[in-house]
Protein backbone atom coordinates (compact mmCIF):
# COMPACT_ATOMS: atom_id res chain seq x y z
CA MET A 1 -17.95 1.95 11.69
CA ASP A 2 -14.61 3.33 10.52
CA ILE A 3 -13.58 2.71 6.94
CA ILE A 4 -9.96 1.82 6.24
CA LYS A 5 -8.92 3.33 2.90
CA VAL A 6 -6.06 1.64 1.08
CA SER A 7 -3.86 3.05 -1.67
CA SER A 8 -1.29 1.35 -3.87
CA ARG A 9 1.38 2.71 -1.51
CA SER A 10 -0.21 1.33 1.68
CA VAL A 11 1.93 -1.13 3.65
CA PRO A 12 -0.04 -4.40 4.01
CA LYS A 13 1.34 -5.20 7.47
CA SER A 14 0.35 -1.77 8.83
CA THR A 15 -3.07 -1.98 7.23
CA ALA A 16 -3.48 -5.47 8.69
CA GLY A 17 -2.75 -4.04 12.13
CA ALA A 18 -5.54 -1.50 11.67
CA ILE A 19 -7.92 -4.25 10.55
CA CYS A 20 -7.02 -6.38 13.58
CA ALA A 21 -7.59 -3.46 15.96
CA VAL A 22 -11.13 -2.96 14.63
CA ILE A 23 -11.93 -6.69 14.76
CA ARG A 24 -10.59 -7.03 18.32
CA GLU A 25 -12.88 -4.18 19.40
CA GLY A 26 -15.79 -6.36 18.27
CA SER A 27 -16.74 -4.55 15.05
CA PRO A 28 -16.37 -5.72 11.47
CA ALA A 29 -13.68 -3.87 9.50
CA GLU A 30 -14.44 -2.27 6.13
CA VAL A 31 -11.56 -1.76 3.73
CA GLU A 32 -11.97 0.30 0.54
CA ALA A 33 -9.64 0.33 -2.46
CA VAL A 34 -9.84 1.91 -5.92
CA GLY A 35 -7.43 0.73 -8.62
CA ALA A 36 -5.51 -2.48 -9.23
CA GLY A 37 -2.53 -1.58 -7.03
CA ALA A 38 -4.74 -0.54 -4.12
CA VAL A 39 -6.86 -3.69 -4.38
CA ASN A 40 -3.69 -5.78 -4.41
CA GLN A 41 -2.47 -4.14 -1.18
CA ALA A 42 -5.92 -4.48 0.44
CA VAL A 43 -6.13 -8.20 -0.31
CA LYS A 44 -2.62 -8.76 1.04
CA ALA A 45 -3.56 -6.82 4.20
CA ALA A 46 -6.70 -8.95 4.66
CA ALA A 47 -4.63 -12.14 4.37
CA VAL A 48 -2.04 -10.88 6.87
CA ALA A 49 -4.79 -9.75 9.27
CA ARG A 50 -6.40 -13.17 9.10
CA THR A 51 -3.06 -14.72 10.07
CA PHE A 52 -2.58 -12.27 12.97
CA LEU A 53 -6.11 -12.89 14.24
CA ALA A 54 -5.75 -16.68 13.93
CA GLU A 55 -2.83 -16.48 16.37
CA ASP A 56 -5.35 -15.08 18.90
CA GLY A 57 -7.90 -17.79 18.14
CA ILE A 58 -10.13 -15.52 16.03
CA ASP A 59 -11.38 -16.95 12.73
CA ALA A 60 -11.91 -14.03 10.33
CA VAL A 61 -13.63 -14.06 6.95
CA CYS A 62 -13.45 -11.58 4.10
CA ILE A 63 -16.54 -10.62 2.09
CA PRO A 64 -15.68 -8.69 -1.10
CA SER A 65 -18.09 -6.45 -3.01
CA PHE A 66 -18.04 -3.70 -5.61
CA ALA A 67 -18.72 -0.14 -4.51
CA GLU A 68 -18.92 3.34 -6.04
CA PHE A 69 -16.60 6.00 -4.61
CA GLU A 70 -16.15 9.69 -5.34
CA VAL A 71 -12.51 10.47 -6.11
CA ALA A 72 -11.57 14.05 -7.01
CA GLY A 73 -15.17 14.83 -7.98
CA GLU A 74 -15.44 11.75 -10.22
CA MET A 75 -17.31 8.51 -9.53
CA LYS A 76 -15.07 5.43 -9.55
CA THR A 77 -15.80 1.75 -9.06
CA GLY A 78 -13.69 0.04 -6.42
CA ILE A 79 -13.64 -2.89 -4.07
CA ARG A 80 -14.96 -2.98 -0.51
CA LEU A 81 -13.76 -5.79 1.74
CA LYS A 82 -15.81 -6.50 4.86
CA ILE A 83 -13.72 -8.47 7.33
CA GLU A 84 -15.47 -9.98 10.32
CA LYS A 85 -15.34 -12.79 12.86
CA ARG A 86 -16.84 -16.05 11.75
C-alpha cells in the first residue's frame, strides 16, 4: 500500500486526486501528516476526496490515528488517516 505524505504546502485538491486514485483501484489510502499545517491540509484533502468519490457512488470513510514518524533523524508524532470504502 502506498502512503501519501502531506506537507503544509500540499494542495488539498491534488492530494484528494491521489487519494481517489488509490480508492478507485480498490485499496484503502493512507495519508500521513506531521505538524498542524500538514494535518490541516490532509483533513481538507480527505473531505474533498470524499466529495469526489461520492459523485461516483462511492461512500468513503476516514479513520484517524496517531503515528510515530522519523523526520530528519528525529522521531515525531503525527496523524495517519486511513481512507477506505464503507
